Structures are given as structure tokens and as C-alpha cells.
């Protein structure tokens, strides 16, 4: 039986998600700031709203931009 080289055995790492805040999310999705929270709820994208009212979300750019542009 032939042994596989180490290079073949290595796992490929997946892409890391982007962590964006409110204005960056608006720019990424091309929407207005007042529509952001409703848009995230509609797309079922998990997000966090901090004590200052700032919205943060971790997104996978490949999955979330497929149907928006």
C-alpha cells in the first residue's frame, strides 16, 4: 500500500467571516442605515446590538452577497 504525502493529508481552512459594524454593513449590502436591522432580520443574518445602539454582524461574504447585487 502506498503512503500519502503530508501535503495531501493537510486540511484546507475555510474562509473567515467578516465582522462588520453598522455603516460597513450598510455599504456592503447597499442599503440605508434605517433599513439595516429589518434587512438583517429578513435575511436571518445573526447580529448584535451593543449598548450604544451600534449593530455588529459576522458575515460570510460569499453567501450574503449572492442575491443582493
PDB file of N, CA and C in Angstrom:
ATOM      1  N   UNK A   1       0.840  -1.172   0.000  1.00  0.00           N
ATOM      2  CA  UNK A   1       0.000   0.000   0.000  1.00  0.00           C
ATOM      3  C   UNK A   1       0.892   1.245   0.000  1.00  0.00           C
ATOM      4  N   UNK A   2       0.554   2.225  -0.816  1.00  0.00           N
ATOM      5  CA  UNK A   2       1.363   3.423  -0.939  1.00  0.00           C
ATOM      6  C   UNK A   2       0.926   4.468   0.095  1.00  0.00           C
ATOM      7  N   UNK A   3       1.895   5.113   0.732  1.00  0.00           N
ATOM      8  CA  UNK A   3       1.597   6.140   1.729  1.00  0.00           C
ATOM      9  C   UNK A   3       1.342   7.477   1.043  1.00  0.00           C
ATOM     10  N   UNK A   4       0.416   8.212   1.594  1.00  0.00           N
ATOM     11  CA  UNK A   4       0.139   9.547   1.076  1.00  0.00           C
ATOM     12  C   UNK A   4       1.130  10.550   1.662  1.00  0.00           C
ATOM     13  N   UNK A   5       1.507  11.514   0.906  1.00  0.00           N
ATOM     14  CA  UNK A   5       2.416  12.535   1.419  1.00  0.00           C
ATOM     15  C   UNK A   5       1.679  13.429   2.415  1.00  0.00           C
ATOM     16  N   UNK A   6       2.427  14.132   3.229  1.00  0.00           N
ATOM     17  CA  UNK A   6       1.822  15.031   4.228  1.00  0.00           C
ATOM     18  C   UNK A   6       1.002  16.133   3.564  1.00  0.00           C
ATOM     19  N   UNK A   7       1.443  16.583   2.429  1.00  0.00           N
ATOM     20  CA  UNK A   7       0.745  17.666   1.741  1.00  0.00           C
ATOM     21  C   UNK A   7      -0.702  17.271   1.421  1.00  0.00           C
ATOM     22  N   UNK A   8      -0.928  16.042   1.054  1.00  0.00           N
ATOM     23  CA  UNK A   8      -2.273  15.573   0.720  1.00  0.00           C
ATOM     24  C   UNK A   8      -3.140  15.481   1.972  1.00  0.00           C
ATOM     25  N   UNK A   9      -2.547  15.192   3.111  1.00  0.00           N
ATOM     26  CA  UNK A   9      -3.303  14.993   4.345  1.00  0.00           C
ATOM     27  C   UNK A   9      -3.745  16.300   4.999  1.00  0.00           C
ATOM     28  N   UNK A  10      -3.143  17.409   4.639  1.00  0.00           N
ATOM     29  CA  UNK A  10      -3.478  18.683   5.276  1.00  0.00           C
ATOM     30  C   UNK A  10      -4.909  19.107   4.954  1.00  0.00           C
ATOM     31  N   UNK A  11      -5.538  19.702   5.942  1.00  0.00           N
ATOM     32  CA  UNK A  11      -6.887  20.222   5.753  1.00  0.00           C
ATOM     33  C   UNK A  11      -6.811  21.657   5.267  1.00  0.00           C
ATOM     34  N   UNK A  12      -7.709  21.997   4.395  1.00  0.00           N
ATOM     35  CA  UNK A  12      -7.797  23.368   3.926  1.00  0.00           C
ATOM     36  C   UNK A  12      -8.685  24.148   4.895  1.00  0.00           C
ATOM     37  N   UNK A  13      -8.232  25.299   5.280  1.00  0.00           N
ATOM     38  CA  UNK A  13      -9.033  26.141   6.170  1.00  0.00           C
ATOM     39  C   UNK A  13     -10.087  26.883   5.366  1.00  0.00           C
ATOM     40  N   UNK A  14     -11.237  26.999   5.952  1.00  0.00           N
ATOM     41  CA  UNK A  14     -12.305  27.750   5.302  1.00  0.00           C
ATOM     42  C   UNK A  14     -12.067  29.245   5.443  1.00  0.00           C
ATOM     43  N   UNK A  15     -12.786  30.013   4.704  1.00  0.00           N
ATOM     44  CA  UNK A  15     -12.664  31.466   4.782  1.00  0.00           C
ATOM     45  C   UNK A  15     -13.217  31.967   6.112  1.00  0.00           C
ATOM     46  N   UNK A  16     -12.536  32.925   6.685  1.00  0.00           N
ATOM     47  CA  UNK A  16     -13.011  33.509   7.943  1.00  0.00           C
ATOM     48  C   UNK A  16     -14.118  34.506   7.641  1.00  0.00           C
ATOM     49  N   UNK A  17     -15.126  34.547   8.510  1.00  0.00           N
ATOM     50  CA  UNK A  17     -16.212  35.512   8.279  1.00  0.00           C
ATOM     51  C   UNK A  17     -15.738  36.940   8.552  1.00  0.00           C
ATOM     52  N   UNK A  18     -16.357  37.888   7.910  1.00  0.00           N
ATOM     53  CA  UNK A  18     -16.072  39.305   8.126  1.00  0.00           C
ATOM     54  C   UNK A  18     -16.913  39.804   9.292  1.00  0.00           C
ATOM     55  N   UNK A  19     -16.312  40.592  10.177  1.00  0.00           N
ATOM     56  CA  UNK A  19     -17.059  41.227  11.259  1.00  0.00           C
ATOM     57  C   UNK A  19     -17.178  42.697  10.886  1.00  0.00           C
ATOM     58  N   UNK A  20     -18.413  43.128  10.645  1.00  0.00           N
ATOM     59  CA  UNK A  20     -18.661  44.492  10.193  1.00  0.00           C
ATOM     60  C   UNK A  20     -19.592  45.199  11.162  1.00  0.00           C
ATOM     61  N   UNK A  21     -19.432  46.518  11.264  1.00  0.00           N
ATOM     62  CA  UNK A  21     -20.355  47.309  12.082  1.00  0.00           C
ATOM     63  C   UNK A  21     -21.370  47.998  11.191  1.00  0.00           C
ATOM     64  N   UNK A  22     -22.249  48.766  11.774  1.00  0.00           N
ATOM     65  CA  UNK A  22     -23.402  49.353  11.095  1.00  0.00           C
ATOM     66  C   UNK A  22     -23.152  49.976   9.736  1.00  0.00           C
ATOM     67  N   UNK A  23     -22.288  50.993   9.664  1.00  0.00           N
ATOM     68  CA  UNK A  23     -22.080  51.686   8.394  1.00  0.00           C
ATOM     69  C   UNK A  23     -21.422  50.773   7.368  1.00  0.00           C
ATOM     70  N   UNK A  24     -20.506  49.918   7.814  1.00  0.00           N
ATOM     71  CA  UNK A  24     -19.867  48.967   6.901  1.00  0.00           C
ATOM     72  C   UNK A  24     -20.882  47.984   6.340  1.00  0.00           C
ATOM     73  N   UNK A  25     -21.828  47.548   7.178  1.00  0.00           N
ATOM     74  CA  UNK A  25     -22.890  46.648   6.724  1.00  0.00           C
ATOM     75  C   UNK A  25     -23.785  47.331   5.701  1.00  0.00           C
ATOM     76  N   UNK A  26     -24.109  48.594   5.950  1.00  0.00           N
ATOM     77  CA  UNK A  26     -24.946  49.355   5.007  1.00  0.00           C
ATOM     78  C   UNK A  26     -24.254  49.473   3.655  1.00  0.00           C
ATOM     79  N   UNK A  27     -22.975  49.743   3.669  1.00  0.00           N
ATOM     80  CA  UNK A  27     -22.211  49.850   2.426  1.00  0.00           C
ATOM     81  C   UNK A  27     -22.124  48.503   1.729  1.00  0.00           C
ATOM     82  N   UNK A  28     -21.886  47.453   2.506  1.00  0.00           N
ATOM     83  CA  UNK A  28     -21.753  46.108   1.941  1.00  0.00           C
ATOM     84  C   UNK A  28     -23.029  45.650   1.244  1.00  0.00           C
ATOM     85  N   UNK A  29     -24.174  45.911   1.875  1.00  0.00           N
ATOM     86  CA  UNK A  29     -25.448  45.468   1.319  1.00  0.00           C
ATOM     87  C   UNK A  29     -26.137  46.542   0.466  1.00  0.00           C
ATOM     88  N   UNK A  30     -25.553  47.719   0.363  1.00  0.00           N
ATOM     89  CA  UNK A  30     -26.111  48.838  -0.410  1.00  0.00           C
ATOM     90  C   UNK A  30     -27.526  49.199   0.044  1.00  0.00           C
ATOM     91  N   UNK A  31     -27.666  49.429   1.357  1.00  0.00           N
ATOM     92  CA  UNK A  31     -28.955  49.820   1.930  1.00  0.00           C
ATOM     93  C   UNK A  31     -28.754  51.032   2.833  1.00  0.00           C
ATOM     94  N   UNK A  32     -29.844  51.674   3.228  1.00  0.00           N
ATOM     95  CA  UNK A  32     -29.792  52.810   4.150  1.00  0.00           C
ATOM     96  C   UNK A  32     -29.679  52.313   5.589  1.00  0.00           C
ATOM     97  N   UNK A  33     -29.142  53.169   6.450  1.00  0.00           N
ATOM     98  CA  UNK A  33     -28.930  52.814   7.857  1.00  0.00           C
ATOM     99  C   UNK A  33     -30.239  52.503   8.584  1.00  0.00           C
ATOM    100  N   UNK A  34     -31.329  53.200   8.229  1.00  0.00           N
ATOM    101  CA  UNK A  34     -32.608  52.968   8.907  1.00  0.00           C
ATOM    102  C   UNK A  34     -33.252  51.636   8.500  1.00  0.00           C
ATOM    103  N   UNK A  35     -32.789  51.022   7.430  1.00  0.00           N
ATOM    104  CA  UNK A  35     -33.313  49.736   6.962  1.00  0.00           C
ATOM    105  C   UNK A  35     -32.468  48.546   7.404  1.00  0.00           C
ATOM    106  N   UNK A  36     -31.326  48.812   8.034  1.00  0.00           N
ATOM    107  CA  UNK A  36     -30.352  47.753   8.317  1.00  0.00           C
ATOM    108  C   UNK A  36     -30.903  46.641   9.204  1.00  0.00           C
ATOM    109  N   UNK A  37     -31.470  46.980  10.341  1.00  0.00           N
ATOM    110  CA  UNK A  37     -31.954  45.959  11.278  1.00  0.00           C
ATOM    111  C   UNK A  37     -33.042  45.088  10.648  1.00  0.00           C
ATOM    112  N   UNK A  38     -33.984  45.697   9.953  1.00  0.00           N
ATOM    113  CA  UNK A  38     -35.049  44.940   9.287  1.00  0.00           C
ATOM    114  C   UNK A  38     -34.465  44.037   8.200  1.00  0.00           C
ATOM    115  N   UNK A  39     -33.468  44.543   7.476  1.00  0.00           N
ATOM    116  CA  UNK A  39     -32.821  43.761   6.427  1.00  0.00           C
ATOM    117  C   UNK A  39     -32.141  42.519   7.004  1.00  0.00           C
ATOM    118  N   UNK A  40     -31.428  42.694   8.127  1.00  0.00           N
ATOM    119  CA  UNK A  40     -30.748  41.559   8.768  1.00  0.00           C
ATOM    120  C   UNK A  40     -31.751  40.533   9.289  1.00  0.00           C
ATOM    121  N   UNK A  41     -32.864  41.008   9.862  1.00  0.00           N
ATOM    122  CA  UNK A  41     -33.921  40.090  10.309  1.00  0.00           C
ATOM    123  C   UNK A  41     -34.505  39.328   9.123  1.00  0.00           C
ATOM    124  N   UNK A  42     -34.776  40.028   8.044  1.00  0.00           N
ATOM    125  CA  UNK A  42     -35.371  39.424   6.852  1.00  0.00           C
ATOM    126  C   UNK A  42     -34.473  38.333   6.264  1.00  0.00           C
ATOM    127  N   UNK A  43     -33.191  38.583   6.234  1.00  0.00           N
ATOM    128  CA  UNK A  43     -32.218  37.622   5.680  1.00  0.00           C
ATOM    129  C   UNK A  43     -31.756  36.592   6.700  1.00  0.00           C
ATOM    130  N   UNK A  44     -32.276  36.656   7.914  1.00  0.00           N
ATOM    131  CA  UNK A  44     -31.894  35.788   9.040  1.00  0.00           C
ATOM    132  C   UNK A  44     -30.378  35.767   9.240  1.00  0.00           C
ATOM    133  N   UNK A  45     -29.787  36.947   9.203  1.00  0.00           N
ATOM    134  CA  UNK A  45     -28.361  37.103   9.490  1.00  0.00           C
ATOM    135  C   UNK A  45     -28.238  37.469  10.969  1.00  0.00           C
ATOM    136  N   UNK A  46     -27.555  36.646  11.773  1.00  0.00           N
ATOM    137  CA  UNK A  46     -27.427  36.957  13.205  1.00  0.00           C
ATOM    138  C   UNK A  46     -26.590  38.234  13.402  1.00  0.00           C
ATOM    139  N   UNK A  47     -27.025  39.073  14.343  1.00  0.00           N
ATOM    140  CA  UNK A  47     -26.303  40.315  14.611  1.00  0.00           C
ATOM    141  C   UNK A  47     -26.387  40.640  16.093  1.00  0.00           C
ATOM    142  N   UNK A  48     -25.565  41.599  16.509  1.00  0.00           N
ATOM    143  CA  UNK A  48     -25.531  42.047  17.901  1.00  0.00           C
ATOM    144  C   UNK A  48     -25.699  43.553  17.919  1.00  0.00           C
ATOM    145  N   UNK A  49     -26.521  44.037  18.829  1.00  0.00           N
ATOM    146  CA  UNK A  49     -26.709  45.472  19.009  1.00  0.00           C
ATOM    147  C   UNK A  49     -26.125  45.820  20.379  1.00  0.00           C
ATOM    148  N   UNK A  50     -25.043  46.611  20.388  1.00  0.00           N
ATOM    149  CA  UNK A  50     -24.371  46.917  21.649  1.00  0.00           C
ATOM    150  C   UNK A  50     -25.096  48.019  22.419  1.00  0.00           C
ATOM    151  N   UNK A  51     -24.547  48.388  23.587  1.00  0.00           N
ATOM    152  CA  UNK A  51     -25.209  49.362  24.460  1.00  0.00           C
ATOM    153  C   UNK A  51     -25.282  50.756  23.842  1.00  0.00           C
ATOM    154  N   UNK A  52     -24.470  51.028  22.847  1.00  0.00           N
ATOM    155  CA  UNK A  52     -24.511  52.321  22.151  1.00  0.00           C
ATOM    156  C   UNK A  52     -25.465  52.310  20.967  1.00  0.00           C
ATOM    157  N   UNK A  53     -26.101  51.185  20.712  1.00  0.00           N
ATOM    158  CA  UNK A  53     -27.031  51.066  19.594  1.00  0.00           C
ATOM    159  C   UNK A  53     -26.358  50.694  18.282  1.00  0.00           C
ATOM    160  N   UNK A  54     -25.060  50.408  18.331  1.00  0.00           N
ATOM    161  CA  UNK A  54     -24.316  50.030  17.137  1.00  0.00           C
ATOM    162  C   UNK A  54     -24.589  48.558  16.802  1.00  0.00           C
ATOM    163  N   UNK A  55     -24.814  48.256  15.550  1.00  0.00           N
ATOM    164  CA  UNK A  55     -25.104  46.892  15.110  1.00  0.00           C
ATOM    165  C   UNK A  55     -23.827  46.279  14.554  1.00  0.00           C
ATOM    166  N   UNK A  56     -23.543  45.056  14.987  1.00  0.00           N
ATOM    167  CA  UNK A  56     -22.385  44.298  14.533  1.00  0.00           C
ATOM    168  C   UNK A  56     -22.863  42.958  13.999  1.00  0.00           C
ATOM    169  N   UNK A  57     -22.242  42.488  12.937  1.00  0.00           N
ATOM    170  CA  UNK A  57     -22.614  41.185  12.384  1.00  0.00           C
ATOM    171  C   UNK A  57     -21.383  40.512  11.793  1.00  0.00           C
ATOM    172  N   UNK A  58     -21.320  39.197  11.952  1.00  0.00           N
ATOM    173  CA  UNK A  58     -20.291  38.386  11.299  1.00  0.00           C
ATOM    174  C   UNK A  58     -20.931  37.784  10.068  1.00  0.00           C
ATOM    175  N   UNK A  59     -20.365  38.090   8.908  1.00  0.00           N
ATOM    176  CA  UNK A  59     -20.971  37.609   7.669  1.00  0.00           C
ATOM    177  C   UNK A  59     -19.969  36.847   6.839  1.00  0.00           C
ATOM    178  N   UNK A  60     -20.476  35.910   6.078  1.00  0.00           N
ATOM    179  CA  UNK A  60     -19.674  35.208   5.074  1.00  0.00           C
ATOM    180  C   UNK A  60     -19.945  35.923   3.753  1.00  0.00           C
ATOM    181  N   UNK A  61     -18.975  36.628   3.258  1.00  0.00           N
ATOM    182  CA  UNK A  61     -19.175  37.484   2.082  1.00  0.00           C
ATOM    183  C   UNK A  61     -19.682  36.721   0.872  1.00  0.00           C
ATOM    184  N   UNK A  62     -19.248  35.497   0.684  1.00  0.00           N
ATOM    185  CA  UNK A  62     -19.681  34.730  -0.478  1.00  0.00           C
ATOM    186  C   UNK A  62     -21.161  34.399  -0.421  1.00  0.00           C
ATOM    187  N   UNK A  63     -21.663  34.039   0.759  1.00  0.00           N
ATOM    188  CA  UNK A  63     -23.055  33.631   0.888  1.00  0.00           C
ATOM    189  C   UNK A  63     -24.011  34.815   0.902  1.00  0.00           C
ATOM    190  N   UNK A  64     -23.642  35.909   1.576  1.00  0.00           N
ATOM    191  CA  UNK A  64     -24.591  37.002   1.783  1.00  0.00           C
ATOM    192  C   UNK A  64     -24.721  37.943   0.604  1.00  0.00           C
ATOM    193  N   UNK A  65     -23.743  38.002  -0.290  1.00  0.00           N
ATOM    194  CA  UNK A  65     -23.834  38.940  -1.408  1.00  0.00           C
ATOM    195  C   UNK A  65     -24.356  38.295  -2.679  1.00  0.00           C
ATOM    196  N   UNK A  66     -24.614  37.011  -2.667  1.00  0.00           N
ATOM    197  CA  UNK A  66     -25.030  36.306  -3.869  1.00  0.00           C
ATOM    198  C   UNK A  66     -26.334  36.859  -4.440  1.00  0.00           C
ATOM    199  N   UNK A  67     -27.298  37.187  -3.600  1.00  0.00           N
ATOM    200  CA  UNK A  67     -28.589  37.632  -4.122  1.00  0.00           C
ATOM    201  C   UNK A  67     -28.857  39.116  -3.952  1.00  0.00           C
ATOM    202  N   UNK A  68     -27.866  39.905  -3.499  1.00  0.00           N
ATOM    203  CA  UNK A  68     -28.150  41.296  -3.216  1.00  0.00           C
ATOM    204  C   UNK A  68     -27.738  42.235  -4.328  1.00  0.00           C
ATOM    205  N   UNK A  69     -26.816  41.858  -5.187  1.00  0.00           N
ATOM    206  CA  UNK A  69     -26.337  42.800  -6.200  1.00  0.00           C
ATOM    207  C   UNK A  69     -26.652  42.376  -7.571  1.00  0.00           C
TER     208      UNK A  69
END
